[in-house]
Amino acid sequence: MLSSKMMKDSASDIMLLLRGFFMSWTFSKITLFLTTLIFSFYCQARESYLGSKLGAEGFSENHSYLLAQAATDDDSFDPFSDYSEFDEATDEEADINFFRNGRFLTVGFVMGMKGFTDNLSTAYNSGGTYGLYLAYFFDLRFAIQFGFTTGDYGFTFSTPSGQSSSGNVAFTLISINTKYFFNTQNVTKGLADLNPYLIIGLSNVFRTYTLTSSQTGQVNDAVQSAWGLDAGGGIEIPMMRKKAYFGIQGTLHYVNFPDSNSPFYLYEFTQPSTSTQAGMQYDVLALVGVNF
């Protein structure tokens, strides 16, 4: 009898323990569920509040998801962006236009007339000149040109005592000039093909006298050189689908020889001439060039 009573008491105790554990586990589960539900409602309410506030300040509600991201189009520090050697799109466009429509080198032949101004026109006769040139283009507008021209011209002068001399004088010019071509895109189609340009630079001018003196009959050779300034302009007309061109150019040369603005004088003569060597040179040239 005692043992059966003890067994009943033990079973009752176990049932009480299981019932208490079950009720405690159920309460914990319900508490966790309610906590999660309340936190979810809180997050949704906060998100709606931030979105409405950003929208009232002039931002889109979509930006509420991008608060931690940088809104920028600058990909200079992006390791996955495409490499480009151009700083701006305009630089790339200019280079593409140059490679498509520009030229790198031009080689040409020039031929025309050289004349003189002031007192030089009374001593020197106008005559022909010819030469070669090579131009390198930096872009569609600017180029540097190296040139060589030469020519012989008649020379005559006399002294107050009646002495006179005649012969030839040769001028050889080695020049380096800068050429600037005007933009003719907005000009009438017929005039846009003329390609007008300005030219300015320096020349090393060599002057060689070959004179026959009426007094002694001797021939005197005198060579002098000096630097001069060049300035002028011209036009170029494309030919053969822009593979070649024909042009006209006018250039003024100011050369400062050691005896510039001094009277003409020869060692055989005891007197100088009545006029001084004042004046400038000018060239009117026709050009034929080939583009590369």
Foldseek 3Di string as FASTA:
>chain_A
DVVVVVVVVVVVVVVVVVVVVVVVVVVVVVVVVVVVVVVVVVVVVVLVVVLVVCVVVPDHSVCSVVPPPDPDPDCPVPPPDDDDPDPDPVVVVQVVCCVVPHFAKKKKKKKFKKAKDDPVNVFKPIDMKIWIKMWGDPGRFKIKMWIKMKDKIKGKFAAPVGWIKIFIKMKIKTWIKMKTWDQCPVPPPVVRQFGKIKIKTKIKIKMWTFMQTPVPRDTDIDIFIWMKIKIWIKTWHADPSNQKIKMKIKMKIDTDTPQAQHFDDDPVDPGGTPGGNYITMMTIMIMIMGTD
